[in-house]
C-alpha cells in the first residue's frame, strides 16, 4: 500500500474529510511515531523501555545490532560493519490472527 492509498482509505473512513486533511493526519501520525521512537532510544540507555505500543496492532521497538564482519561485494574484501540501532516491529496477537 502506498501513502496515497493510505490517505484515500483514511478519507473514505471519515466522510467529509478532504484529501489535504487526510494527508496531514497521516503525516502527523507517522511523524509523531518516528519522533517518539527516536527520542526514546536517545533518552533511554535501557532499550527495553524504548518502544511504542498500539494495542491490537503491535509494538515498534529499538533493537541493537552487534558489530560484525561483512564483505564488500565489489572487491570481495572483508569490512567491519559497526554496531547500530534499528527499528523492529512485533505484531500483536490480534493482528497475527487476522492474517
PDB file of N, CA and C in Angstrom:
ATOM      1  N   UNK A   1       0.845  -1.166   0.000  1.00  0.00           N
ATOM      2  CA  UNK A   1       0.000   0.000   0.000  1.00  0.00           C
ATOM      3  C   UNK A   1       0.897   1.238   0.000  1.00  0.00           C
ATOM      4  N   UNK A   2       0.562   2.179  -0.839  1.00  0.00           N
ATOM      5  CA  UNK A   2       1.325   3.419  -0.909  1.00  0.00           C
ATOM      6  C   UNK A   2       0.741   4.459   0.042  1.00  0.00           C
ATOM      7  N   UNK A   3       1.478   5.532   0.220  1.00  0.00           N
ATOM      8  CA  UNK A   3       1.000   6.621   1.073  1.00  0.00           C
ATOM      9  C   UNK A   3      -0.304   7.196   0.523  1.00  0.00           C
ATOM     10  N   UNK A   4      -0.379   7.361  -0.794  1.00  0.00           N
ATOM     11  CA  UNK A   4      -1.591   7.907  -1.417  1.00  0.00           C
ATOM     12  C   UNK A   4      -2.790   6.995  -1.175  1.00  0.00           C
ATOM     13  N   UNK A   5      -2.580   5.683  -1.254  1.00  0.00           N
ATOM     14  CA  UNK A   5      -3.669   4.737  -0.999  1.00  0.00           C
ATOM     15  C   UNK A   5      -4.112   4.797   0.463  1.00  0.00           C
ATOM     16  N   UNK A   6      -3.157   4.947   1.372  1.00  0.00           N
ATOM     17  CA  UNK A   6      -3.488   5.067   2.790  1.00  0.00           C
ATOM     18  C   UNK A   6      -4.306   6.335   3.043  1.00  0.00           C
ATOM     19  N   UNK A   7      -3.914   7.424   2.428  1.00  0.00           N
ATOM     20  CA  UNK A   7      -4.653   8.681   2.573  1.00  0.00           C
ATOM     21  C   UNK A   7      -6.071   8.528   2.041  1.00  0.00           C
ATOM     22  N   UNK A   8      -6.212   7.870   0.891  1.00  0.00           N
ATOM     23  CA  UNK A   8      -7.551   7.633   0.326  1.00  0.00           C
ATOM     24  C   UNK A   8      -8.422   6.831   1.293  1.00  0.00           C
ATOM     25  N   UNK A   9      -7.858   5.793   1.911  1.00  0.00           N
ATOM     26  CA  UNK A   9      -8.618   4.980   2.862  1.00  0.00           C
ATOM     27  C   UNK A   9      -9.025   5.784   4.097  1.00  0.00           C
ATOM     28  N   UNK A  10      -8.133   6.628   4.584  1.00  0.00           N
ATOM     29  CA  UNK A  10      -8.454   7.469   5.743  1.00  0.00           C
ATOM     30  C   UNK A  10      -9.608   8.402   5.393  1.00  0.00           C
ATOM     31  N   UNK A  11      -9.576   8.968   4.190  1.00  0.00           N
ATOM     32  CA  UNK A  11     -10.650   9.876   3.755  1.00  0.00           C
ATOM     33  C   UNK A  11     -11.975   9.139   3.576  1.00  0.00           C
ATOM     34  N   UNK A  12     -11.924   7.908   3.085  1.00  0.00           N
ATOM     35  CA  UNK A  12     -13.156   7.127   2.911  1.00  0.00           C
ATOM     36  C   UNK A  12     -13.763   6.740   4.257  1.00  0.00           C
ATOM     37  N   UNK A  13     -12.900   6.408   5.232  1.00  0.00           N
ATOM     38  CA  UNK A  13     -13.372   6.031   6.568  1.00  0.00           C
ATOM     39  C   UNK A  13     -14.006   7.215   7.297  1.00  0.00           C
ATOM     40  N   UNK A  14     -13.570   8.407   6.965  1.00  0.00           N
ATOM     41  CA  UNK A  14     -14.045   9.626   7.625  1.00  0.00           C
ATOM     42  C   UNK A  14     -14.687  10.532   6.586  1.00  0.00           C
ATOM     43  N   UNK A  15     -15.954  10.286   6.311  1.00  0.00           N
ATOM     44  CA  UNK A  15     -16.659  11.051   5.284  1.00  0.00           C
ATOM     45  C   UNK A  15     -16.561  12.545   5.564  1.00  0.00           C
ATOM     46  N   UNK A  16     -16.390  13.302   4.495  1.00  0.00           N
ATOM     47  CA  UNK A  16     -16.294  14.751   4.621  1.00  0.00           C
ATOM     48  C   UNK A  16     -14.878  15.242   4.863  1.00  0.00           C
ATOM     49  N   UNK A  17     -13.933  14.324   5.012  1.00  0.00           N
ATOM     50  CA  UNK A  17     -12.541  14.701   5.235  1.00  0.00           C
ATOM     51  C   UNK A  17     -11.868  14.912   3.882  1.00  0.00           C
ATOM     52  N   UNK A  18     -11.273  16.064   3.680  1.00  0.00           N
ATOM     53  CA  UNK A  18     -10.603  16.346   2.406  1.00  0.00           C
ATOM     54  C   UNK A  18      -9.299  15.557   2.317  1.00  0.00           C
ATOM     55  N   UNK A  19      -8.794  15.400   1.093  1.00  0.00           N
ATOM     56  CA  UNK A  19      -7.531  14.677   0.915  1.00  0.00           C
ATOM     57  C   UNK A  19      -6.386  15.425   1.586  1.00  0.00           C
ATOM     58  N   UNK A  20      -6.469  16.749   1.560  1.00  0.00           N
ATOM     59  CA  UNK A  20      -5.425  17.548   2.193  1.00  0.00           C
ATOM     60  C   UNK A  20      -5.410  17.299   3.704  1.00  0.00           C
ATOM     61  N   UNK A  21      -6.584  17.264   4.315  1.00  0.00           N
ATOM     62  CA  UNK A  21      -6.681  16.997   5.753  1.00  0.00           C
ATOM     63  C   UNK A  21      -6.265  15.559   6.061  1.00  0.00           C
ATOM     64  N   UNK A  22      -6.659  14.620   5.203  1.00  0.00           N
ATOM     65  CA  UNK A  22      -6.267  13.221   5.385  1.00  0.00           C
ATOM     66  C   UNK A  22      -4.758  13.055   5.311  1.00  0.00           C
ATOM     67  N   UNK A  23      -4.131  13.752   4.362  1.00  0.00           N
ATOM     68  CA  UNK A  23      -2.678  13.692   4.224  1.00  0.00           C
ATOM     69  C   UNK A  23      -1.999  14.281   5.457  1.00  0.00           C
ATOM     70  N   UNK A  24      -2.563  15.360   5.984  1.00  0.00           N
ATOM     71  CA  UNK A  24      -1.993  15.987   7.181  1.00  0.00           C
ATOM     72  C   UNK A  24      -2.077  15.041   8.377  1.00  0.00           C
ATOM     73  N   UNK A  25      -3.183  14.322   8.494  1.00  0.00           N
ATOM     74  CA  UNK A  25      -3.353  13.370   9.597  1.00  0.00           C
ATOM     75  C   UNK A  25      -2.340  12.232   9.487  1.00  0.00           C
ATOM     76  N   UNK A  26      -2.232  11.650   8.295  1.00  0.00           N
ATOM     77  CA  UNK A  26      -1.297  10.533   8.081  1.00  0.00           C
ATOM     78  C   UNK A  26       0.133  10.993   8.352  1.00  0.00           C
ATOM     79  N   UNK A  27       0.513  12.153   7.805  1.00  0.00           N
ATOM     80  CA  UNK A  27       1.864  12.674   8.031  1.00  0.00           C
ATOM     81  C   UNK A  27       2.121  12.921   9.511  1.00  0.00           C
ATOM     82  N   UNK A  28       1.140  13.461  10.191  1.00  0.00           N
ATOM     83  CA  UNK A  28       1.277  13.774  11.610  1.00  0.00           C
ATOM     84  C   UNK A  28       1.464  12.510  12.444  1.00  0.00           C
ATOM     85  N   UNK A  29       0.668  11.494  12.177  1.00  0.00           N
ATOM     86  CA  UNK A  29       0.766  10.239  12.939  1.00  0.00           C
ATOM     87  C   UNK A  29       2.148   9.614  12.776  1.00  0.00           C
ATOM     88  N   UNK A  30       2.626   9.520  11.540  1.00  0.00           N
ATOM     89  CA  UNK A  30       3.929   8.891  11.323  1.00  0.00           C
ATOM     90  C   UNK A  30       5.072   9.756  11.849  1.00  0.00           C
ATOM     91  N   UNK A  31       4.923  11.057  11.789  1.00  0.00           N
ATOM     92  CA  UNK A  31       5.936  11.955  12.329  1.00  0.00           C
ATOM     93  C   UNK A  31       6.040  11.804  13.842  1.00  0.00           C
ATOM     94  N   UNK A  32       4.906  11.764  14.514  1.00  0.00           N
ATOM     95  CA  UNK A  32       4.895  11.594  15.974  1.00  0.00           C
ATOM     96  C   UNK A  32       5.494  10.243  16.355  1.00  0.00           C
ATOM     97  N   UNK A  33       5.149   9.192  15.615  1.00  0.00           N
ATOM     98  CA  UNK A  33       5.697   7.866  15.912  1.00  0.00           C
ATOM     99  C   UNK A  33       7.218   7.862  15.746  1.00  0.00           C
ATOM    100  N   UNK A  34       7.707   8.400  14.631  1.00  0.00           N
ATOM    101  CA  UNK A  34       9.147   8.416  14.372  1.00  0.00           C
ATOM    102  C   UNK A  34       9.887   9.231  15.426  1.00  0.00           C
ATOM    103  N   UNK A  35       9.355  10.395  15.764  1.00  0.00           N
ATOM    104  CA  UNK A  35       9.997  11.236  16.776  1.00  0.00           C
ATOM    105  C   UNK A  35       9.984  10.572  18.147  1.00  0.00           C
ATOM    106  N   UNK A  36       8.900   9.894  18.483  1.00  0.00           N
ATOM    107  CA  UNK A  36       8.805   9.216  19.778  1.00  0.00           C
ATOM    108  C   UNK A  36       9.821   8.093  19.892  1.00  0.00           C
ATOM    109  N   UNK A  37       9.905   7.269  18.871  1.00  0.00           N
ATOM    110  CA  UNK A  37      10.856   6.151  18.896  1.00  0.00           C
ATOM    111  C   UNK A  37      12.282   6.677  18.943  1.00  0.00           C
ATOM    112  N   UNK A  38      12.561   7.702  18.157  1.00  0.00           N
ATOM    113  CA  UNK A  38      13.899   8.283  18.122  1.00  0.00           C
ATOM    114  C   UNK A  38      14.290   8.872  19.471  1.00  0.00           C
ATOM    115  N   UNK A  39      13.394   9.646  20.070  1.00  0.00           N
ATOM    116  CA  UNK A  39      13.725  10.266  21.356  1.00  0.00           C
ATOM    117  C   UNK A  39      13.816   9.226  22.467  1.00  0.00           C
ATOM    118  N   UNK A  40      12.992   8.197  22.423  1.00  0.00           N
ATOM    119  CA  UNK A  40      13.071   7.144  23.439  1.00  0.00           C
ATOM    120  C   UNK A  40      14.413   6.438  23.385  1.00  0.00           C
ATOM    121  N   UNK A  41      14.920   6.195  22.181  1.00  0.00           N
ATOM    122  CA  UNK A  41      16.176   5.466  22.067  1.00  0.00           C
ATOM    123  C   UNK A  41      17.349   6.341  22.490  1.00  0.00           C
ATOM    124  N   UNK A  42      17.248   7.662  22.288  1.00  0.00           N
ATOM    125  CA  UNK A  42      18.343   8.561  22.675  1.00  0.00           C
ATOM    126  C   UNK A  42      18.317   8.865  24.165  1.00  0.00           C
ATOM    127  N   UNK A  43      17.123   9.052  24.713  1.00  0.00           N
ATOM    128  CA  UNK A  43      16.979   9.447  26.112  1.00  0.00           C
ATOM    129  C   UNK A  43      17.184   8.298  27.076  1.00  0.00           C
ATOM    130  N   UNK A  44      17.009   7.092  26.584  1.00  0.00           N
ATOM    131  CA  UNK A  44      16.958   5.961  27.490  1.00  0.00           C
ATOM    132  C   UNK A  44      18.050   4.963  27.141  1.00  0.00           C
ATOM    133  N   UNK A  45      18.975   4.726  28.072  1.00  0.00           N
ATOM    134  CA  UNK A  45      20.001   3.733  27.827  1.00  0.00           C
ATOM    135  C   UNK A  45      19.442   2.318  27.831  1.00  0.00           C
ATOM    136  N   UNK A  46      18.330   2.116  28.516  1.00  0.00           N
ATOM    137  CA  UNK A  46      17.688   0.806  28.605  1.00  0.00           C
ATOM    138  C   UNK A  46      16.746   0.635  27.419  1.00  0.00           C
ATOM    139  N   UNK A  47      17.165  -0.138  26.426  1.00  0.00           N
ATOM    140  CA  UNK A  47      16.361  -0.289  25.210  1.00  0.00           C
ATOM    141  C   UNK A  47      15.077  -1.065  25.439  1.00  0.00           C
ATOM    142  N   UNK A  48      14.949  -1.743  26.578  1.00  0.00           N
ATOM    143  CA  UNK A  48      13.695  -2.445  26.856  1.00  0.00           C
ATOM    144  C   UNK A  48      12.554  -1.448  27.040  1.00  0.00           C
ATOM    145  N   UNK A  49      12.893  -0.217  27.410  1.00  0.00           N
ATOM    146  CA  UNK A  49      11.880   0.818  27.598  1.00  0.00           C
ATOM    147  C   UNK A  49      11.649   1.627  26.321  1.00  0.00           C
ATOM    148  N   UNK A  50      12.500   1.474  25.316  1.00  0.00           N
ATOM    149  CA  UNK A  50      12.403   2.250  24.080  1.00  0.00           C
ATOM    150  C   UNK A  50      11.460   1.554  23.105  1.00  0.00           C
ATOM    151  N   UNK A  51      10.163   1.709  23.357  1.00  0.00           N
ATOM    152  CA  UNK A  51       9.185   1.079  22.481  1.00  0.00           C
ATOM    153  C   UNK A  51       7.908   1.898  22.434  1.00  0.00           C
ATOM    154  N   UNK A  52       7.160   1.708  21.365  1.00  0.00           N
ATOM    155  CA  UNK A  52       5.890   2.390  21.172  1.00  0.00           C
ATOM    156  C   UNK A  52       4.856   1.314  20.871  1.00  0.00           C
ATOM    157  N   UNK A  53       3.858   1.182  21.727  1.00  0.00           N
ATOM    158  CA  UNK A  53       2.850   0.126  21.581  1.00  0.00           C
ATOM    159  C   UNK A  53       1.513   0.705  21.165  1.00  0.00           C
ATOM    160  N   UNK A  54       0.820  -0.022  20.302  1.00  0.00           N
ATOM    161  CA  UNK A  54      -0.548   0.319  19.918  1.00  0.00           C
ATOM    162  C   UNK A  54      -1.357  -0.967  20.062  1.00  0.00           C
ATOM    163  N   UNK A  55      -2.201  -1.054  21.100  1.00  0.00           N
ATOM    164  CA  UNK A  55      -2.941  -2.293  21.369  1.00  0.00           C
ATOM    165  C   UNK A  55      -3.742  -2.772  20.157  1.00  0.00           C
ATOM    166  N   UNK A  56      -3.655  -4.055  19.901  1.00  0.00           N
ATOM    167  CA  UNK A  56      -4.375  -4.651  18.785  1.00  0.00           C
ATOM    168  C   UNK A  56      -3.622  -4.580  17.474  1.00  0.00           C
ATOM    169  N   UNK A  57      -2.559  -3.768  17.428  1.00  0.00           N
ATOM    170  CA  UNK A  57      -1.765  -3.644  16.202  1.00  0.00           C
ATOM    171  C   UNK A  57      -0.376  -4.217  16.403  1.00  0.00           C
ATOM    172  N   UNK A  58       0.363  -3.666  17.372  1.00  0.00           N
ATOM    173  CA  UNK A  58       1.687  -4.189  17.627  1.00  0.00           C
ATOM    174  C   UNK A  58       2.569  -3.194  18.347  1.00  0.00           C
ATOM    175  N   UNK A  59       3.854  -3.532  18.421  1.00  0.00           N
ATOM    176  CA  UNK A  59       4.827  -2.721  19.134  1.00  0.00           C
ATOM    177  C   UNK A  59       6.027  -2.451  18.243  1.00  0.00           C
ATOM    178  N   UNK A  60       6.384  -1.170  18.143  1.00  0.00           N
ATOM    179  CA  UNK A  60       7.611  -0.767  17.471  1.00  0.00           C
ATOM    180  C   UNK A  60       8.661  -0.624  18.558  1.00  0.00           C
ATOM    181  N   UNK A  61       9.853  -1.185  18.339  1.00  0.00           N
ATOM    182  CA  UNK A  61      10.879  -1.127  19.356  1.00  0.00           C
ATOM    183  C   UNK A  61      12.239  -0.916  18.728  1.00  0.00           C
ATOM    184  N   UNK A  62      13.151  -0.395  19.536  1.00  0.00           N
ATOM    185  CA  UNK A  62      14.516  -0.164  19.082  1.00  0.00           C
ATOM    186  C   UNK A  62      15.320  -1.413  19.397  1.00  0.00           C
ATOM    187  N   UNK A  63      16.045  -1.895  18.399  1.00  0.00           N
ATOM    188  CA  UNK A  63      16.875  -3.091  18.580  1.00  0.00           C
ATOM    189  C   UNK A  63      18.336  -2.748  18.322  1.00  0.00           C
ATOM    190  N   UNK A  64      19.201  -3.370  19.093  1.00  0.00           N
ATOM    191  CA  UNK A  64      20.645  -3.211  18.923  1.00  0.00           C
ATOM    192  C   UNK A  64      21.145  -4.259  17.938  1.00  0.00           C
ATOM    193  N   UNK A  65      21.979  -3.823  17.014  1.00  0.00           N
ATOM    194  CA  UNK A  65      22.668  -4.764  16.129  1.00  0.00           C
ATOM    195  C   UNK A  65      24.134  -4.767  16.533  1.00  0.00           C
ATOM    196  N   UNK A  66      24.692  -5.932  16.706  1.00  0.00           N
ATOM    197  CA  UNK A  66      26.090  -6.051  17.105  1.00  0.00           C
ATOM    198  C   UNK A  66      26.995  -5.734  15.917  1.00  0.00           C
ATOM    199  N   UNK A  67      28.213  -5.322  16.219  1.00  0.00           N
ATOM    200  CA  UNK A  67      29.214  -5.132  15.177  1.00  0.00           C
ATOM    201  C   UNK A  67      29.516  -6.501  14.571  1.00  0.00           C
ATOM    202  N   UNK A  68      29.793  -6.507  13.287  1.00  0.00           N
ATOM    203  CA  UNK A  68      30.062  -7.787  12.626  1.00  0.00           C
ATOM    204  C   UNK A  68      30.963  -7.566  11.418  1.00  0.00           C
ATOM    205  N   UNK A  69      31.449  -8.653  10.892  1.00  0.00           N
ATOM    206  CA  UNK A  69      32.289  -8.593   9.703  1.00  0.00           C
ATOM    207  C   UNK A  69      31.419  -8.899   8.495  1.00  0.00           C
ATOM    208  N   UNK A  70      31.499  -8.029   7.496  1.00  0.00           N
ATOM    209  CA  UNK A  70      30.750  -8.223   6.260  1.00  0.00           C
ATOM    210  C   UNK A  70      31.716  -8.325   5.095  1.00  0.00           C
ATOM    211  N   UNK A  71      31.171  -8.298   3.899  1.00  0.00           N
ATOM    212  CA  UNK A  71      32.010  -8.398   2.713  1.00  0.00           C
ATOM    213  C   UNK A  71      31.547  -7.381   1.687  1.00  0.00           C
ATOM    214  N   UNK A  72      32.508  -6.628   1.128  1.00  0.00           N
ATOM    215  CA  UNK A  72      32.213  -5.676   0.063  1.00  0.00           C
ATOM    216  C   UNK A  72      31.992  -6.478  -1.218  1.00  0.00           C
ATOM    217  N   UNK A  73      30.783  -6.421  -1.811  1.00  0.00           N
ATOM    218  CA  UNK A  73      30.502  -7.247  -2.982  1.00  0.00           C
ATOM    219  C   UNK A  73      31.323  -6.867  -4.217  1.00  0.00           C
ATOM    220  N   UNK A  74      31.798  -5.624  -4.285  1.00  0.00           N
ATOM    221  CA  UNK A  74      32.591  -5.219  -5.455  1.00  0.00           C
ATOM    222  C   UNK A  74      34.020  -5.723  -5.381  1.00  0.00           C
ATOM    223  N   UNK A  75      34.627  -5.647  -4.191  1.00  0.00           N
ATOM    224  CA  UNK A  75      36.036  -6.012  -4.061  1.00  0.00           C
ATOM    225  C   UNK A  75      36.240  -7.361  -3.379  1.00  0.00           C
ATOM    226  N   UNK A  76      35.189  -7.914  -2.818  1.00  0.00           N
ATOM    227  CA  UNK A  76      35.236  -9.176  -2.080  1.00  0.00           C
ATOM    228  C   UNK A  76      36.123  -9.079  -0.838  1.00  0.00           C
ATOM    229  N   UNK A  77      36.377  -7.853  -0.380  1.00  0.00           N
ATOM    230  CA  UNK A  77      37.183  -7.632   0.807  1.00  0.00           C
ATOM    231  C   UNK A  77      36.306  -7.653   2.044  1.00  0.00           C
ATOM    232  N   UNK A  78      36.862  -8.162   3.143  1.00  0.00           N
ATOM    233  CA  UNK A  78      36.123  -8.125   4.399  1.00  0.00           C
ATOM    234  C   UNK A  78      36.108  -6.698   4.925  1.00  0.00           C
ATOM    235  N   UNK A  79      34.954  -6.298   5.462  1.00  0.00           N
ATOM    236  CA  UNK A  79      34.831  -4.969   6.056  1.00  0.00           C
ATOM    237  C   UNK A  79      34.185  -5.105   7.426  1.00  0.00           C
ATOM    238  N   UNK A  80      34.488  -4.160   8.296  1.00  0.00           N
ATOM    239  CA  UNK A  80      33.899  -4.147   9.632  1.00  0.00           C
ATOM    240  C   UNK A  80      32.618  -3.323   9.575  1.00  0.00           C
ATOM    241  N   UNK A  81      31.492  -3.932   9.922  1.00  0.00           N
ATOM    242  CA  UNK A  81      30.211  -3.234   9.993  1.00  0.00           C
ATOM    243  C   UNK A  81      30.006  -2.860  11.458  1.00  0.00           C
ATOM    244  N   UNK A  82      29.885  -1.558  11.747  1.00  0.00           N
ATOM    245  CA  UNK A  82      29.778  -1.135  13.145  1.00  0.00           C
ATOM    246  C   UNK A  82      28.434  -1.500  13.772  1.00  0.00           C
ATOM    247  N   UNK A  83      28.408  -1.514  15.093  1.00  0.00           N
ATOM    248  CA  UNK A  83      27.155  -1.741  15.823  1.00  0.00           C
ATOM    249  C   UNK A  83      26.208  -0.591  15.511  1.00  0.00           C
ATOM    250  N   UNK A  84      24.915  -0.880  15.499  1.00  0.00           N
ATOM    251  CA  UNK A  84      23.934   0.164  15.198  1.00  0.00           C
ATOM    252  C   UNK A  84      22.610  -0.169  15.870  1.00  0.00           C
ATOM    253  N   UNK A  85      21.711   0.787  15.803  1.00  0.00           N
ATOM    254  CA  UNK A  85      20.354   0.583  16.304  1.00  0.00           C
ATOM    255  C   UNK A  85      19.407   0.616  15.121  1.00  0.00           C
ATOM    256  N   UNK A  86      18.355  -0.181  15.211  1.00  0.00           N
ATOM    257  CA  UNK A  86      17.354  -0.226  14.157  1.00  0.00           C
ATOM    258  C   UNK A  86      15.974  -0.350  14.798  1.00  0.00           C
ATOM    259  N   UNK A  87      14.949  -0.129  14.001  1.00  0.00           N
ATOM    260  CA  UNK A  87      13.580  -0.238  14.499  1.00  0.00           C
ATOM    261  C   UNK A  87      13.024  -1.601  14.111  1.00  0.00           C
ATOM    262  N   UNK A  88      12.449  -2.282  15.074  1.00  0.00           N
ATOM    263  CA  UNK A  88      11.795  -3.559  14.827  1.00  0.00           C
ATOM    264  C   UNK A  88      10.305  -3.434  15.087  1.00  0.00           C
ATOM    265  N   UNK A  89       9.562  -4.422  14.635  1.00  0.00           N
ATOM    266  CA  UNK A  89       8.118  -4.429  14.855  1.00  0.00           C
ATOM    267  C   UNK A  89       7.700  -5.809  15.312  1.00  0.00           C
ATOM    268  N   UNK A  90       6.917  -5.848  16.382  1.00  0.00           N
ATOM    269  CA  UNK A  90       6.364  -7.097  16.891  1.00  0.00           C
ATOM    270  C   UNK A  90       4.842  -6.993  16.779  1.00  0.00           C
ATOM    271  N   UNK A  91       4.212  -7.742  15.874  1.00  0.00           N
ATOM    272  CA  UNK A  91       2.755  -7.635  15.713  1.00  0.00           C
ATOM    273  C   UNK A  91       2.010  -8.179  16.927  1.00  0.00           C
ATOM    274  N   UNK A  92       0.865  -7.571  17.199  1.00  0.00           N
ATOM    275  CA  UNK A  92       0.005  -8.032  18.292  1.00  0.00           C
ATOM    276  C   UNK A  92      -0.668  -9.339  17.887  1.00  0.00           C
ATOM    277  N   UNK A  93      -1.086 -10.088  18.868  1.00  0.00           N
ATOM    278  CA  UNK A  93      -1.746 -11.372  18.623  1.00  0.00           C
ATOM    279  C   UNK A  93      -2.967 -11.188  17.719  1.00  0.00           C
ATOM    280  N   UNK A  94      -3.756 -10.141  17.959  1.00  0.00           N
ATOM    281  CA  UNK A  94      -4.961  -9.890  17.158  1.00  0.00           C
ATOM    282  C   UNK A  94      -4.613  -9.640  15.692  1.00  0.00           C
ATOM    283  N   UNK A  95      -3.523  -8.929  15.436  1.00  0.00           N
ATOM    284  CA  UNK A  95      -3.104  -8.668  14.058  1.00  0.00           C
ATOM    285  C   UNK A  95      -2.650  -9.958  13.388  1.00  0.00           C
ATOM    286  N   UNK A  96      -1.879 -10.765  14.106  1.00  0.00           N
ATOM    287  CA  UNK A  96      -1.418 -12.046  13.544  1.00  0.00           C
ATOM    288  C   UNK A  96      -2.586 -12.958  13.209  1.00  0.00           C
ATOM    289  N   UNK A  97      -3.572 -12.997  14.094  1.00  0.00           N
ATOM    290  CA  UNK A  97      -4.724 -13.877  13.871  1.00  0.00           C
ATOM    291  C   UNK A  97      -5.605 -13.397  12.721  1.00  0.00           C
ATOM    292  N   UNK A  98      -5.553 -12.109  12.412  1.00  0.00           N
ATOM    293  CA  UNK A  98      -6.396 -11.580  11.332  1.00  0.00           C
ATOM    294  C   UNK A  98      -5.828 -11.870   9.949  1.00  0.00           C
ATOM    295  N   UNK A  99      -4.594 -12.338   9.878  1.00  0.00           N
ATOM    296  CA  UNK A  99      -3.961 -12.608   8.574  1.00  0.00           C
ATOM    297  C   UNK A  99      -4.397 -13.921   7.988  1.00  0.00           C
TER     298      UNK A  99
END
